[in-house]
Amino acid sequence: MARFIIGKDYEASERVGAGGMYQIEILRMVKKDDDEIDVTAKIDVGMHFLNDDNQELYKYLSNIFNIPVNNIDIDELS
C-alpha cells in the first residue's frame, strides 16, 4: 500500500473561478518506516480536482507513480 499525505489549496482554485475544487499544495509519500518524502515536484500543482470526488486524484497519482489505484491511501494535512 502506498500512503500519501496531501495538502489541499482551495483558495487558489476559488481565485480562478473553480470553486468546489482544489489544487495540490504539497504531496508527501510515507515510507514503510513512517518517514515522509516530499514528492510535490513530481506532480503538476496547477491541476484542479473536485473536492467531493477523489477518484480523479487517485487516478492521477496512480499514473504519476505507477501504482494501482486500489493500492493508494491518502491522508489530508490538517
N, C-alpha and C. Protein backbone atom coordinates (compact mmCIF):
# COMPACT_ATOMS: atom_id res chain seq x y z
N MET A 1 0.83 -1.18 0.00
CA MET A 1 0.00 0.00 0.00
C MET A 1 0.88 1.25 0.00
N ALA A 2 0.61 2.16 -0.89
CA ALA A 2 1.32 3.43 -0.96
C ALA A 2 0.49 4.48 -0.23
N ARG A 3 1.11 5.14 0.72
CA ARG A 3 0.39 6.14 1.51
C ARG A 3 0.92 7.52 1.21
N PHE A 4 0.00 8.43 0.94
CA PHE A 4 0.34 9.81 0.64
C PHE A 4 -0.33 10.73 1.66
N ILE A 5 0.32 11.85 1.91
CA ILE A 5 -0.27 12.92 2.71
C ILE A 5 -0.37 14.13 1.79
N ILE A 6 -1.56 14.69 1.72
CA ILE A 6 -1.81 15.76 0.76
C ILE A 6 -2.25 17.03 1.47
N GLY A 7 -1.73 18.14 0.99
CA GLY A 7 -2.19 19.46 1.43
C GLY A 7 -2.98 20.07 0.29
N LYS A 8 -4.22 20.42 0.56
CA LYS A 8 -5.10 20.96 -0.48
C LYS A 8 -5.19 22.47 -0.38
N ASP A 9 -5.15 23.13 -1.53
CA ASP A 9 -5.27 24.59 -1.60
C ASP A 9 -6.59 24.92 -2.30
N TYR A 10 -7.59 25.28 -1.51
CA TYR A 10 -8.91 25.62 -2.05
C TYR A 10 -8.95 27.06 -2.56
N GLU A 11 -8.17 27.92 -1.94
CA GLU A 11 -8.19 29.34 -2.28
C GLU A 11 -7.69 29.60 -3.69
N ALA A 12 -6.66 28.90 -4.12
CA ALA A 12 -6.13 29.10 -5.47
C ALA A 12 -7.18 28.75 -6.51
N SER A 13 -7.91 27.68 -6.30
CA SER A 13 -8.96 27.30 -7.23
C SER A 13 -10.09 28.33 -7.23
N GLU A 14 -10.45 28.80 -6.05
CA GLU A 14 -11.51 29.81 -5.93
C GLU A 14 -11.14 31.08 -6.69
N ARG A 15 -9.87 31.49 -6.60
CA ARG A 15 -9.42 32.72 -7.26
C ARG A 15 -9.55 32.65 -8.78
N VAL A 16 -9.48 31.47 -9.35
CA VAL A 16 -9.57 31.35 -10.81
C VAL A 16 -10.95 30.89 -11.25
N GLY A 17 -11.93 30.97 -10.33
CA GLY A 17 -13.30 30.65 -10.70
C GLY A 17 -13.63 29.17 -10.65
N ALA A 18 -12.84 28.38 -9.95
CA ALA A 18 -13.09 26.93 -9.87
C ALA A 18 -13.48 26.56 -8.43
N GLY A 19 -14.51 27.24 -7.92
CA GLY A 19 -14.99 26.94 -6.57
C GLY A 19 -15.43 25.49 -6.47
N GLY A 20 -15.22 24.90 -5.31
CA GLY A 20 -15.56 23.49 -5.11
C GLY A 20 -14.44 22.56 -5.56
N MET A 21 -13.34 23.16 -5.97
CA MET A 21 -12.18 22.38 -6.40
C MET A 21 -10.98 22.78 -5.57
N TYR A 22 -9.89 22.05 -5.73
CA TYR A 22 -8.66 22.36 -5.03
C TYR A 22 -7.47 22.01 -5.90
N GLN A 23 -6.34 22.59 -5.57
CA GLN A 23 -5.06 22.22 -6.16
C GLN A 23 -4.23 21.57 -5.07
N ILE A 24 -3.29 20.74 -5.48
CA ILE A 24 -2.40 20.12 -4.50
C ILE A 24 -1.31 21.12 -4.17
N GLU A 25 -1.24 21.48 -2.90
CA GLU A 25 -0.24 22.42 -2.44
C GLU A 25 1.05 21.70 -2.05
N ILE A 26 0.89 20.54 -1.42
CA ILE A 26 2.02 19.73 -1.01
C ILE A 26 1.61 18.27 -1.05
N LEU A 27 2.55 17.42 -1.45
CA LEU A 27 2.30 15.99 -1.50
C LEU A 27 3.51 15.26 -0.93
N ARG A 28 3.24 14.45 0.06
CA ARG A 28 4.31 13.65 0.68
C ARG A 28 3.97 12.19 0.56
N MET A 29 4.98 11.38 0.31
CA MET A 29 4.82 9.93 0.29
C MET A 29 5.39 9.41 1.61
N VAL A 30 4.63 8.53 2.25
CA VAL A 30 5.06 7.97 3.53
C VAL A 30 5.71 6.62 3.27
N LYS A 31 6.95 6.50 3.72
CA LYS A 31 7.68 5.24 3.54
C LYS A 31 7.28 4.25 4.63
N LYS A 32 7.71 3.01 4.46
CA LYS A 32 7.35 1.94 5.40
C LYS A 32 7.77 2.24 6.83
N ASP A 33 8.86 2.99 7.01
CA ASP A 33 9.33 3.33 8.36
C ASP A 33 8.70 4.63 8.87
N ASP A 34 7.64 5.07 8.21
CA ASP A 34 6.88 6.28 8.54
C ASP A 34 7.62 7.58 8.27
N ASP A 35 8.80 7.52 7.65
CA ASP A 35 9.45 8.74 7.19
C ASP A 35 8.66 9.26 6.00
N GLU A 36 8.63 10.57 5.85
CA GLU A 36 7.92 11.19 4.75
C GLU A 36 8.89 11.79 3.74
N ILE A 37 8.56 11.63 2.47
CA ILE A 37 9.36 12.19 1.38
C ILE A 37 8.47 13.19 0.64
N ASP A 38 8.96 14.40 0.47
CA ASP A 38 8.21 15.41 -0.29
C ASP A 38 8.32 15.07 -1.78
N VAL A 39 7.21 14.77 -2.40
CA VAL A 39 7.19 14.41 -3.82
C VAL A 39 6.39 15.44 -4.63
N THR A 40 6.20 16.62 -4.07
CA THR A 40 5.42 17.67 -4.73
C THR A 40 5.99 18.00 -6.11
N ALA A 41 7.29 17.98 -6.25
CA ALA A 41 7.93 18.34 -7.53
C ALA A 41 7.60 17.36 -8.66
N LYS A 42 7.09 16.20 -8.33
CA LYS A 42 6.78 15.19 -9.35
C LYS A 42 5.39 15.36 -9.94
N ILE A 43 4.59 16.29 -9.40
CA ILE A 43 3.22 16.46 -9.88
C ILE A 43 3.02 17.84 -10.48
N ASP A 44 1.91 18.01 -11.18
CA ASP A 44 1.51 19.30 -11.72
C ASP A 44 0.63 19.98 -10.68
N VAL A 45 1.20 20.92 -9.93
CA VAL A 45 0.45 21.58 -8.86
C VAL A 45 -0.62 22.53 -9.40
N GLY A 46 -0.66 22.74 -10.69
CA GLY A 46 -1.66 23.60 -11.30
C GLY A 46 -2.96 22.89 -11.63
N MET A 47 -3.00 21.59 -11.47
CA MET A 47 -4.22 20.83 -11.76
C MET A 47 -5.26 21.09 -10.68
N HIS A 48 -6.52 21.05 -11.10
CA HIS A 48 -7.65 21.21 -10.17
C HIS A 48 -8.38 19.88 -10.04
N PHE A 49 -8.78 19.57 -8.82
CA PHE A 49 -9.52 18.34 -8.53
C PHE A 49 -10.81 18.70 -7.81
N LEU A 50 -11.88 17.97 -8.10
CA LEU A 50 -13.15 18.18 -7.40
C LEU A 50 -13.02 17.77 -5.95
N ASN A 51 -13.54 18.60 -5.07
CA ASN A 51 -13.44 18.34 -3.65
C ASN A 51 -14.18 17.07 -3.23
N ASP A 52 -15.30 16.78 -3.85
CA ASP A 52 -16.11 15.65 -3.40
C ASP A 52 -15.91 14.37 -4.21
N ASP A 53 -14.90 14.34 -5.07
CA ASP A 53 -14.64 13.16 -5.88
C ASP A 53 -13.14 12.90 -5.95
N ASN A 54 -12.65 12.03 -5.07
CA ASN A 54 -11.22 11.74 -5.04
C ASN A 54 -10.77 10.74 -6.10
N GLN A 55 -11.68 10.20 -6.87
CA GLN A 55 -11.29 9.20 -7.87
C GLN A 55 -10.31 9.76 -8.89
N GLU A 56 -10.52 11.01 -9.31
CA GLU A 56 -9.59 11.62 -10.27
C GLU A 56 -8.21 11.78 -9.64
N LEU A 57 -8.17 12.15 -8.37
CA LEU A 57 -6.90 12.27 -7.66
C LEU A 57 -6.20 10.92 -7.59
N TYR A 58 -6.94 9.88 -7.23
CA TYR A 58 -6.35 8.54 -7.16
C TYR A 58 -5.82 8.10 -8.53
N LYS A 59 -6.58 8.36 -9.58
CA LYS A 59 -6.13 8.00 -10.94
C LYS A 59 -4.87 8.77 -11.32
N TYR A 60 -4.85 10.06 -10.99
CA TYR A 60 -3.70 10.89 -11.31
C TYR A 60 -2.44 10.38 -10.61
N LEU A 61 -2.55 10.12 -9.31
CA LEU A 61 -1.41 9.61 -8.56
C LEU A 61 -0.99 8.23 -9.06
N SER A 62 -1.96 7.43 -9.43
CA SER A 62 -1.66 6.10 -9.97
C SER A 62 -0.80 6.21 -11.23
N ASN A 63 -1.15 7.15 -12.11
CA ASN A 63 -0.40 7.34 -13.35
C ASN A 63 1.00 7.91 -13.09
N ILE A 64 1.10 8.87 -12.21
CA ILE A 64 2.38 9.52 -11.93
C ILE A 64 3.37 8.55 -11.27
N PHE A 65 2.88 7.78 -10.29
CA PHE A 65 3.78 6.94 -9.50
C PHE A 65 3.72 5.46 -9.88
N ASN A 66 2.95 5.15 -10.92
CA ASN A 66 2.85 3.77 -11.42
C ASN A 66 2.45 2.79 -10.30
N ILE A 67 1.39 3.16 -9.60
CA ILE A 67 0.85 2.36 -8.50
C ILE A 67 -0.62 2.11 -8.81
N PRO A 68 -1.10 0.88 -8.66
CA PRO A 68 -2.52 0.63 -8.89
C PRO A 68 -3.40 1.49 -7.96
N VAL A 69 -4.51 1.97 -8.49
CA VAL A 69 -5.41 2.84 -7.74
C VAL A 69 -5.81 2.22 -6.41
N ASN A 70 -6.09 0.93 -6.40
CA ASN A 70 -6.54 0.28 -5.17
C ASN A 70 -5.42 0.07 -4.16
N ASN A 71 -4.19 0.44 -4.49
CA ASN A 71 -3.05 0.36 -3.56
C ASN A 71 -2.62 1.73 -3.04
N ILE A 72 -3.48 2.73 -3.22
CA ILE A 72 -3.17 4.09 -2.78
C ILE A 72 -4.07 4.46 -1.60
N ASP A 73 -3.44 5.05 -0.59
CA ASP A 73 -4.16 5.55 0.57
C ASP A 73 -3.75 7.01 0.75
N ILE A 74 -4.73 7.88 0.99
CA ILE A 74 -4.45 9.31 1.08
C ILE A 74 -4.98 9.85 2.40
N ASP A 75 -4.10 10.57 3.11
CA ASP A 75 -4.49 11.31 4.31
C ASP A 75 -4.33 12.79 3.99
N GLU A 76 -5.20 13.59 4.58
CA GLU A 76 -5.15 15.02 4.33
C GLU A 76 -4.47 15.73 5.49
N LEU A 77 -3.61 16.71 5.16
CA LEU A 77 -3.00 17.53 6.20
C LEU A 77 -4.08 18.29 6.94
N SER A 78 -3.90 18.43 8.22
CA SER A 78 -4.91 19.18 8.99
C SER A 78 -4.46 20.59 9.25
